[in-house]
Amino acid sequence: MIAEELAAQAEDAKAPEWCYLVSLSGSLYALPDNDRTVLLPFISSIPQVTPLPSGLVPPYILGLINVAQRGELLIDLPRMLGLRNGPLPPGAAEGRRVLVVGEATPPEMAEYRLAFAVDFGYELLQAARPAPVANHALGAFVTAMVDTPHGDAARLDLEAICNAVLGDLGADRQWNQQPGLLEEDADEP
């Protein structure tokens, strides 16, 4: 039985995965659409941003935006990952995109959704999942390298990124964790 499970996991690792290919501070990254983080169909240019008072939120949060009649926190992803210290250079805003990520199994009426600003959005593509990457500069936020038509891209662990943001904001639960469950119980079926 264990051998069958390992074979199934190895086969899943080879299965193609949908990713949105983006540029963050000049490097390529793949943002996966998987069973833990779902890319919602709101990939667009950056709408009007309502800034939040400084000191109330981490410096990588740009403010609030309206996405489908819902207020979403807009996170400057390159800044959050430490790839850029300040704002985007002047004139570089033309290719900027917003993508919204939601929980795969959201609790009733209290789902987490986060909007991420990326420097440039390329395309949604299907990529094979290669072997995990060890010792990437972004640590646990990068899980593998993906071969794309634009070159190699680091595959981000969006769930880890979302949990880091939620932790910085003092959220009462982790990404995809059902309310009332302890963190160690969240991974059990």
Protein backbone atom coordinates (compact mmCIF):
# COMPACT_ATOMS: atom_id res chain seq x y z
CA MET A 1 0.00 0.00 0.00
CA ILE A 2 2.83 2.42 0.84
CA ALA A 3 4.55 1.67 -2.49
CA GLU A 4 1.31 2.49 -4.34
CA GLU A 5 0.97 5.80 -2.47
CA LEU A 6 4.58 6.74 -3.24
CA ALA A 7 4.07 5.87 -6.92
CA ALA A 8 0.90 8.01 -7.01
CA GLN A 9 2.76 10.94 -5.38
CA ALA A 10 5.61 10.60 -7.89
CA GLU A 11 3.08 10.61 -10.75
CA ASP A 12 1.35 13.71 -9.30
CA ALA A 13 4.72 15.48 -9.11
CA LYS A 14 5.10 14.98 -12.89
CA ALA A 15 1.56 16.18 -13.68
CA PRO A 16 1.33 19.60 -15.27
CA GLU A 17 0.16 22.48 -13.10
CA TRP A 18 -1.42 25.77 -14.09
CA CYS A 19 0.75 28.76 -13.15
CA TYR A 20 0.64 32.48 -13.82
CA LEU A 21 4.07 33.65 -14.98
CA VAL A 22 5.17 37.01 -13.56
CA SER A 23 8.21 39.21 -13.21
CA LEU A 24 9.24 40.42 -9.76
CA SER A 25 12.16 42.88 -9.71
CA GLY A 26 13.43 41.55 -13.04
CA SER A 27 13.27 37.80 -12.27
CA LEU A 28 10.68 35.24 -13.43
CA TYR A 29 8.34 33.54 -10.95
CA ALA A 30 5.50 31.07 -11.40
CA LEU A 31 2.45 31.53 -9.15
CA PRO A 32 0.64 28.18 -9.04
CA ASP A 33 -3.08 27.50 -9.09
CA ASN A 34 -3.33 24.37 -6.96
CA ASP A 35 -5.34 22.59 -4.29
CA ARG A 36 -4.20 25.00 -1.52
CA THR A 37 -4.28 28.39 -3.29
CA VAL A 38 -6.66 29.25 -6.10
CA LEU A 39 -5.96 31.96 -8.67
CA LEU A 40 -9.26 33.79 -8.98
CA PRO A 41 -10.29 35.24 -12.35
CA PHE A 42 -9.40 38.81 -11.40
CA ILE A 43 -6.03 39.30 -13.11
CA SER A 44 -5.97 42.92 -14.24
CA SER A 45 -4.06 46.17 -14.23
CA ILE A 46 -3.90 47.94 -10.89
CA PRO A 47 -7.13 49.82 -10.14
CA GLN A 48 -7.36 52.88 -7.90
CA VAL A 49 -5.72 52.15 -4.54
CA THR A 50 -7.06 53.54 -1.28
CA PRO A 51 -4.01 53.92 0.98
CA LEU A 52 -4.16 52.79 4.59
CA PRO A 53 -2.60 54.79 7.44
CA SER A 54 1.11 54.04 7.75
CA GLY A 55 2.01 52.18 10.88
CA LEU A 56 -1.25 50.20 10.91
CA VAL A 57 -0.18 47.72 8.25
CA PRO A 58 3.19 46.35 7.08
CA PRO A 59 5.01 48.61 4.58
CA TYR A 60 4.48 46.13 1.72
CA ILE A 61 0.69 46.65 1.81
CA LEU A 62 -0.20 49.27 -0.78
CA GLY A 63 -3.80 49.74 0.41
CA LEU A 64 -7.28 48.58 -0.51
CA ILE A 65 -8.66 47.97 -3.99
CA ASN A 66 -12.14 47.13 -5.24
CA VAL A 67 -12.32 43.71 -6.91
CA ALA A 68 -15.79 42.59 -7.97
CA GLN A 69 -17.48 44.80 -5.36
CA ARG A 70 -15.26 43.48 -2.56
CA GLY A 71 -12.45 45.34 -0.81
CA GLU A 72 -9.15 43.49 -1.07
CA LEU A 73 -5.78 44.21 0.54
CA LEU A 74 -3.23 44.91 -2.18
CA ILE A 75 0.19 43.47 -1.37
CA ASP A 76 3.32 44.56 -3.23
CA LEU A 77 4.67 41.02 -3.73
CA PRO A 78 8.28 41.95 -4.65
CA ARG A 79 8.50 44.21 -1.61
CA MET A 80 6.93 41.59 0.68
CA LEU A 81 9.51 39.03 -0.49
CA GLY A 82 12.37 41.48 0.08
CA LEU A 83 13.15 41.81 -3.64
CA ARG A 84 12.64 45.59 -3.59
CA ASN A 85 12.97 48.03 -0.70
CA GLY A 86 10.92 50.94 -1.97
CA PRO A 87 8.21 51.68 -4.48
CA LEU A 88 8.32 50.64 -8.12
CA PRO A 89 10.64 52.84 -10.23
CA PRO A 90 8.86 55.61 -12.22
CA GLY A 91 7.63 54.50 -15.63
CA ALA A 92 7.62 50.81 -14.68
CA ALA A 93 3.95 50.74 -13.71
CA GLU A 94 2.60 50.03 -17.23
CA GLY A 95 3.04 46.26 -17.05
CA ARG A 96 1.99 45.93 -13.42
CA ARG A 97 -0.78 43.46 -12.73
CA VAL A 98 -2.96 42.45 -9.82
CA LEU A 99 -3.90 38.86 -9.23
CA VAL A 100 -6.26 37.67 -6.52
CA VAL A 101 -5.65 34.43 -4.62
CA GLY A 102 -8.31 32.65 -2.59
CA GLU A 103 -8.42 29.72 -0.23
CA ALA A 104 -9.06 26.29 -1.74
CA THR A 105 -11.48 25.24 1.00
CA PRO A 106 -12.69 28.48 2.52
CA PRO A 107 -14.64 28.45 5.76
CA GLU A 108 -18.23 29.58 5.31
CA MET A 109 -18.54 33.34 4.79
CA ALA A 110 -15.09 34.06 6.23
CA GLU A 111 -12.82 33.17 3.33
CA TYR A 112 -9.41 34.74 3.00
CA ARG A 113 -8.55 36.39 -0.29
CA LEU A 114 -5.45 38.45 -0.98
CA ALA A 115 -4.55 40.61 -3.98
CA PHE A 116 -0.92 40.69 -5.07
CA ALA A 117 0.70 43.38 -7.22
CA VAL A 118 3.39 41.98 -9.52
CA ASP A 119 5.77 44.00 -11.69
CA PHE A 120 4.75 42.38 -14.97
CA GLY A 121 2.30 39.63 -15.83
CA TYR A 122 3.04 37.35 -18.77
CA GLU A 123 0.56 34.53 -19.16
CA LEU A 124 -1.27 31.63 -17.62
CA LEU A 125 0.53 28.45 -18.64
CA GLN A 126 0.65 24.77 -17.86
CA ALA A 127 4.05 23.68 -16.56
CA ALA A 128 5.44 20.36 -15.37
CA ARG A 129 6.52 20.31 -11.74
CA PRO A 130 10.25 19.66 -11.47
CA ALA A 131 12.16 18.42 -8.41
CA PRO A 132 12.19 20.75 -5.39
CA VAL A 133 14.83 23.46 -5.16
CA ALA A 134 17.20 23.56 -2.21
CA ASN A 135 18.79 26.76 -0.88
CA HIS A 136 16.94 29.33 -2.97
CA ALA A 137 17.51 32.94 -1.87
CA LEU A 138 13.81 33.23 -0.93
CA GLY A 139 13.97 30.08 1.21
CA ALA A 140 10.64 28.37 1.92
CA PHE A 141 8.80 30.72 -0.42
CA VAL A 142 10.28 28.92 -3.48
CA THR A 143 9.54 25.22 -3.99
CA ALA A 144 10.92 24.43 -7.45
CA MET A 145 12.13 25.76 -10.78
CA VAL A 146 9.76 25.69 -13.76
CA ASP A 147 10.82 25.68 -17.41
CA THR A 148 8.73 28.25 -19.33
CA PRO A 149 8.79 29.77 -22.83
CA HIS A 150 10.34 32.90 -21.24
CA GLY A 151 13.08 30.99 -19.35
CA ASP A 152 13.38 29.31 -15.96
CA ALA A 153 11.00 30.60 -13.30
CA ALA A 154 11.05 30.04 -9.55
CA ARG A 155 7.77 28.42 -8.44
CA LEU A 156 6.43 30.25 -5.39
CA ASP A 157 4.64 28.60 -2.47
CA LEU A 158 1.65 30.94 -2.34
CA GLU A 159 0.24 29.29 0.78
CA ALA A 160 3.47 30.05 2.68
CA ILE A 161 3.39 33.63 1.37
CA CYS A 162 -0.28 34.06 2.36
CA ASN A 163 0.44 32.66 5.83
CA ALA A 164 3.36 35.10 6.24
CA VAL A 165 1.06 38.01 5.35
CA LEU A 166 -1.69 36.74 7.66
CA GLY A 167 0.87 36.37 10.45
CA ASP A 168 2.08 39.95 9.94
CA LEU A 169 -1.54 41.14 10.12
CA GLY A 170 -2.29 39.15 13.28
CA ALA A 171 -4.98 36.98 11.65
CA ASP A 172 -6.85 34.60 13.92
CA ARG A 173 -6.25 31.55 11.70
CA GLN A 174 -3.91 30.21 9.03
CA TRP A 175 -4.66 29.98 5.29
CA ASN A 176 -7.15 27.12 4.65
CA GLN A 177 -7.45 26.38 8.37
CA GLN A 178 -11.01 25.79 9.50
CA PRO A 179 -12.12 28.06 12.37
CA GLY A 180 -11.73 26.41 15.76
CA LEU A 181 -9.01 23.94 14.65
CA LEU A 182 -5.57 23.98 16.15
CA GLU A 183 -2.76 24.56 13.66
CA GLU A 184 -1.46 20.97 13.93
CA ASP A 185 -4.98 19.64 13.25
CA ALA A 186 -5.47 21.75 10.10
CA ASP A 187 -3.69 19.26 7.78
CA GLU A 188 -5.77 16.26 8.85
CA PRO A 189 -8.76 15.29 6.64
